[in-house]
Amino acid sequence: MEGLFVLIGTIVAIGVVIQVIKALARGNKSAVDKDPLRPGAGRNAANKRQEALFVSTFPELQPNFHPQKVLDFIAAWRSRTPKPDAIVWNNPPGFGPSRVRLIPKSDKGQPAELLDAADAVVASFILQDHPEGGVIRMGSGKFTASVRDAAVRYWHPQREFKWSKAKGWRMINSLADRPIDSNDHGTSFASDSASPSSSSFSPGTRAAAAVAGAGGTFDGGGSSASWDEGASRGDGSSSESRTSY
């Protein structure tokens, strides 16, 4: 009987130790997210700020056209061989659980409609082939998705961004014609020879800077520039020396 009590006590003690270890692990993970001095904390905070900036600065893309969703859809559309000329695509990658109606191709590309559960048109766009992935033209905006680089560019006459799975967001600051970067140290302006050194700024300043005006273009709004080319201003000059992913 005494041995049985010892065995039960040992099992209880082991269970307590396991729970303590789990609690410590949860606490460490929480500390990483909250402590700005811990590795990775700055990156998580910067990504959250950039996600919030994306939502506030690009309302026409919400909630369906996040660059990750666009990349997933383009990758799936590109992989369909042969590409269907007309079909209703149920639960397509990136846009599921919605549906996409593909309409017969025209000279400009393949028209498509994003449908909700009641078959109402949520968004209309045109799909075009691209050597690195695909293009979505929607209204005045244009997505260029690189499946190879897992990256997406979006150009609009008033604002633009570049996003990659590996390096996160890069948005054009229209006040200074300089990109807004996210990294381990937070969110900052990318420096160049004609502009002040990198500096952080508040969420309110970020939103105002991104919405205020035109800024530069990644690919002239329509041309198929290389992914490694620098962003160009409206006058054709380079706004910075590095925009590659």
Protein backbone atom coordinates (compact mmCIF):
# COMPACT_ATOMS: atom_id res chain seq x y z
CA MET A 1 0.00 0.00 0.00
CA GLU A 2 2.81 2.38 0.87
CA GLY A 3 4.35 1.73 -2.54
CA LEU A 4 1.08 2.62 -4.22
CA PHE A 5 0.98 5.98 -2.42
CA VAL A 6 4.55 6.66 -3.47
CA LEU A 7 3.69 5.87 -7.11
CA ILE A 8 0.64 8.15 -7.04
CA GLY A 9 2.68 10.94 -5.45
CA THR A 10 5.34 10.58 -8.12
CA ILE A 11 2.77 10.77 -10.94
CA VAL A 12 1.20 13.88 -9.40
CA ALA A 13 4.61 15.52 -9.01
CA ILE A 14 5.49 14.80 -12.65
CA GLY A 15 2.16 16.29 -13.76
CA VAL A 16 2.82 19.45 -11.75
CA VAL A 17 6.30 19.80 -13.28
CA ILE A 18 4.88 19.42 -16.80
CA GLN A 19 2.28 22.12 -16.17
CA VAL A 20 4.94 24.46 -14.77
CA ILE A 21 7.12 23.94 -17.86
CA LYS A 22 4.16 24.66 -20.17
CA ALA A 23 3.32 27.82 -18.22
CA LEU A 24 6.92 29.02 -18.45
CA ALA A 25 6.96 28.36 -22.21
CA ARG A 26 3.76 30.37 -22.68
CA GLY A 27 5.19 33.15 -20.58
CA ASN A 28 8.39 33.27 -22.63
CA LYS A 29 6.43 33.44 -25.89
CA SER A 30 4.33 36.27 -24.53
CA ALA A 31 7.44 38.08 -23.37
CA VAL A 32 8.95 37.82 -26.85
CA ASP A 33 5.89 39.52 -28.31
CA LYS A 34 5.79 42.24 -25.65
CA ASP A 35 9.45 42.94 -24.86
CA PRO A 36 10.88 45.21 -27.61
CA LEU A 37 14.43 44.17 -26.66
CA ARG A 38 13.87 40.49 -27.39
CA PRO A 39 14.78 39.14 -30.86
CA GLY A 40 11.77 39.01 -33.15
CA ALA A 41 9.63 41.37 -31.08
CA GLY A 42 10.40 44.39 -33.27
CA ARG A 43 9.55 42.46 -36.42
CA ASN A 44 6.20 41.29 -35.04
CA ALA A 45 5.28 44.82 -33.95
CA ALA A 46 6.37 46.31 -37.29
CA ASN A 47 4.35 43.74 -39.24
CA LYS A 48 1.24 44.51 -37.18
CA ARG A 49 1.68 48.24 -37.84
CA GLN A 50 2.11 47.66 -41.54
CA GLU A 51 -0.95 45.40 -41.70
CA ALA A 52 -2.97 48.15 -40.01
CA LEU A 53 -1.52 50.72 -42.42
CA PHE A 54 -2.45 48.51 -45.39
CA VAL A 55 -6.07 48.30 -44.17
CA SER A 56 -6.38 52.08 -43.65
CA THR A 57 -4.49 53.16 -46.78
CA PHE A 58 -5.97 50.71 -49.30
CA PRO A 59 -9.70 50.51 -48.47
CA GLU A 60 -10.54 49.46 -52.04
CA LEU A 61 -8.66 46.18 -51.46
CA GLN A 62 -10.44 45.18 -48.25
CA PRO A 63 -11.17 42.51 -47.21
CA ASN A 64 -10.48 40.19 -50.14
CA PHE A 65 -7.33 41.46 -51.84
CA HIS A 66 -4.58 41.09 -49.27
CA PRO A 67 -1.34 40.36 -51.20
CA GLN A 68 -1.08 36.89 -49.64
CA LYS A 69 -4.55 36.05 -51.00
CA VAL A 70 -3.67 37.48 -54.40
CA LEU A 71 -0.47 35.42 -54.49
CA ASP A 72 -2.31 32.22 -53.55
CA PHE A 73 -4.95 32.79 -56.22
CA ILE A 74 -2.47 33.68 -58.97
CA ALA A 75 -0.37 30.60 -58.14
CA ALA A 76 -3.45 28.35 -58.40
CA TRP A 77 -4.74 30.04 -61.58
CA ARG A 78 -1.31 29.80 -63.19
CA SER A 79 -1.04 26.08 -62.38
CA ARG A 80 -4.30 25.18 -64.14
CA THR A 81 -3.34 23.56 -67.45
CA PRO A 82 -4.87 24.42 -69.76
CA LYS A 83 -6.36 27.56 -68.21
CA PRO A 84 -10.17 27.36 -68.47
CA ASP A 85 -11.78 29.79 -70.86
CA ALA A 86 -15.00 30.01 -68.82
CA ILE A 87 -15.80 28.38 -65.51
CA VAL A 88 -17.22 29.07 -62.06
CA TRP A 89 -14.38 28.22 -59.71
CA ASN A 90 -15.67 27.12 -56.31
CA ASN A 91 -13.54 27.83 -53.22
CA PRO A 92 -10.48 29.05 -55.15
CA PRO A 93 -7.20 29.35 -53.19
CA GLY A 94 -6.86 32.85 -51.76
CA PHE A 95 -10.50 33.76 -52.35
CA GLY A 96 -12.25 30.82 -50.69
CA PRO A 97 -14.94 30.22 -49.56
CA SER A 98 -16.13 32.68 -52.21
CA ARG A 99 -16.32 31.74 -55.89
CA VAL A 100 -14.68 33.19 -58.98
CA ARG A 101 -16.45 33.30 -62.34
CA LEU A 102 -13.95 33.21 -65.21
CA ILE A 103 -15.32 34.79 -68.38
CA PRO A 104 -14.08 34.02 -71.94
CA LYS A 105 -10.83 35.84 -72.73
CA SER A 106 -10.62 39.10 -74.60
CA ASP A 107 -7.69 40.98 -76.11
CA LYS A 108 -7.00 42.56 -72.71
CA GLY A 109 -6.94 39.31 -70.76
CA GLN A 110 -9.43 37.09 -68.96
CA PRO A 111 -12.26 38.94 -67.17
CA ALA A 112 -13.21 37.49 -63.80
CA GLU A 113 -15.76 38.17 -61.08
CA LEU A 114 -15.51 37.43 -57.37
CA LEU A 115 -18.89 36.15 -56.16
CA ASP A 116 -20.31 35.90 -52.65
CA ALA A 117 -22.55 33.10 -51.31
CA ALA A 118 -25.60 34.67 -52.98
CA ASP A 119 -23.79 34.92 -56.35
CA ALA A 120 -23.61 38.71 -56.07
CA VAL A 121 -20.53 40.25 -57.70
CA VAL A 122 -18.13 41.45 -55.00
CA ALA A 123 -15.36 42.58 -57.36
CA SER A 124 -14.56 42.49 -61.08
CA PHE A 125 -11.02 42.25 -62.42
CA ILE A 126 -8.96 41.14 -65.40
CA LEU A 127 -6.37 38.34 -65.24
CA GLN A 128 -3.28 38.53 -67.41
CA ASP A 129 -0.31 36.20 -67.85
CA HIS A 130 3.11 37.28 -66.62
CA PRO A 131 6.46 35.45 -66.94
CA GLU A 132 6.87 35.35 -63.17
CA GLY A 133 3.28 34.73 -62.14
CA GLY A 134 0.30 36.82 -63.14
CA VAL A 135 -1.37 40.22 -63.18
CA ILE A 136 -4.70 41.34 -61.76
CA ARG A 137 -6.07 44.66 -63.03
CA MET A 138 -8.92 46.01 -60.92
CA GLY A 139 -10.25 49.50 -61.43
CA SER A 140 -7.31 51.91 -61.44
CA GLY A 141 -5.07 49.45 -59.61
CA LYS A 142 -2.78 46.69 -60.80
CA PHE A 143 -1.35 43.69 -58.93
CA THR A 144 1.76 41.98 -60.27
CA ALA A 145 2.40 38.68 -58.48
CA SER A 146 5.67 36.76 -58.65
CA VAL A 147 5.09 33.13 -57.76
CA ARG A 148 8.83 32.47 -57.92
CA ASP A 149 9.70 35.17 -55.37
CA ALA A 150 6.45 34.87 -53.34
CA ALA A 151 6.05 38.63 -53.76
CA VAL A 152 3.31 41.01 -54.87
CA ARG A 153 3.43 44.58 -56.12
CA TYR A 154 0.40 46.86 -56.25
CA TRP A 155 0.33 50.07 -58.27
CA HIS A 156 -2.36 52.73 -58.07
CA PRO A 157 -2.24 56.32 -59.38
CA GLN A 158 -2.23 57.59 -55.79
CA ARG A 159 -0.46 54.91 -53.74
CA GLU A 160 1.45 51.69 -54.06
CA PHE A 161 3.15 48.93 -52.11
CA LYS A 162 5.43 45.96 -52.49
CA TRP A 163 5.02 42.90 -50.28
CA SER A 164 6.91 39.63 -50.00
CA LYS A 165 6.46 36.58 -47.83
CA ALA A 166 10.10 36.75 -46.76
CA LYS A 167 10.57 40.50 -46.15
CA GLY A 168 7.11 41.88 -45.45
CA TRP A 169 5.84 45.29 -46.54
CA ARG A 170 7.41 48.13 -48.47
CA MET A 171 5.11 51.10 -49.10
CA ILE A 172 5.75 54.29 -51.02
CA ASN A 173 5.56 57.40 -48.85
CA SER A 174 3.92 59.92 -51.14
CA LEU A 175 5.07 62.97 -49.17
CA ALA A 176 8.76 62.21 -49.53
CA ASP A 177 8.74 59.81 -52.49
CA ARG A 178 10.48 57.29 -50.25
CA PRO A 179 9.43 53.77 -49.34
CA ILE A 180 8.23 52.82 -45.86
CA ASP A 181 9.99 49.70 -44.61
CA SER A 182 9.19 47.26 -41.83
CA ASN A 183 12.02 45.45 -40.07
CA ASP A 184 13.26 44.33 -36.64
CA HIS A 185 13.79 47.95 -35.60
CA GLY A 186 10.27 49.07 -36.43
CA THR A 187 8.88 51.10 -39.34
CA SER A 188 11.05 53.70 -41.05
CA PHE A 189 11.66 55.70 -44.20
CA ALA A 190 14.18 54.11 -46.57
CA SER A 191 17.06 56.55 -46.96
CA ASP A 192 18.61 57.74 -50.22
CA SER A 193 21.14 60.33 -51.28
CA ALA A 194 18.51 63.06 -51.68
CA SER A 195 16.61 62.52 -48.46
CA PRO A 196 17.22 62.64 -44.69
CA SER A 197 18.36 59.62 -42.75
CA SER A 198 15.87 56.92 -41.79
CA SER A 199 13.55 57.84 -38.96
CA SER A 200 10.57 56.29 -37.26
CA PHE A 201 7.17 57.96 -37.18
CA SER A 202 3.77 57.65 -35.58
CA PRO A 203 0.81 55.66 -36.98
CA GLY A 204 -1.06 58.90 -37.71
CA THR A 205 1.88 60.31 -39.68
CA ARG A 206 2.24 57.02 -41.56
CA ALA A 207 -1.36 57.02 -42.73
CA ALA A 208 -1.28 60.69 -43.70
CA ALA A 209 1.99 60.22 -45.61
CA ALA A 210 0.70 57.24 -47.55
CA VAL A 211 -2.64 58.80 -48.53
CA ALA A 212 -1.57 62.36 -49.27
CA GLY A 213 -0.42 62.12 -52.87
CA ALA A 214 0.98 60.17 -55.77
CA GLY A 215 4.54 59.11 -54.93
CA GLY A 216 6.49 56.96 -57.37
CA THR A 217 5.71 53.89 -59.41
CA PHE A 218 7.14 50.39 -59.26
CA ASP A 219 6.54 49.65 -62.91
CA GLY A 220 5.11 52.75 -64.50
CA GLY A 221 1.59 51.56 -63.75
CA GLY A 222 1.50 49.18 -66.66
CA SER A 223 4.88 48.06 -67.91
CA SER A 224 6.45 44.77 -66.88
CA ALA A 225 9.59 46.04 -65.16
CA SER A 226 12.08 43.72 -63.53
CA TRP A 227 11.50 42.78 -59.91
CA ASP A 228 15.02 44.05 -59.15
CA GLU A 229 14.54 47.52 -60.55
CA GLY A 230 14.30 50.52 -58.27
CA ALA A 231 11.05 52.40 -57.77
CA SER A 232 10.77 55.30 -60.20
CA ARG A 233 9.28 58.72 -59.70
CA GLY A 234 6.87 60.33 -62.08
CA ASP A 235 9.79 62.17 -63.75
CA GLY A 236 11.51 58.87 -64.56
CA SER A 237 14.30 59.25 -62.02
CA SER A 238 15.00 56.61 -59.44
CA SER A 239 13.61 57.29 -55.97
CA GLU A 240 16.05 54.85 -54.36
CA SER A 241 18.77 52.42 -55.23
CA ARG A 242 17.23 49.27 -53.76
CA THR A 243 13.72 47.90 -54.04
CA SER A 244 14.50 44.28 -54.86
CA TYR A 245 13.25 41.26 -52.92
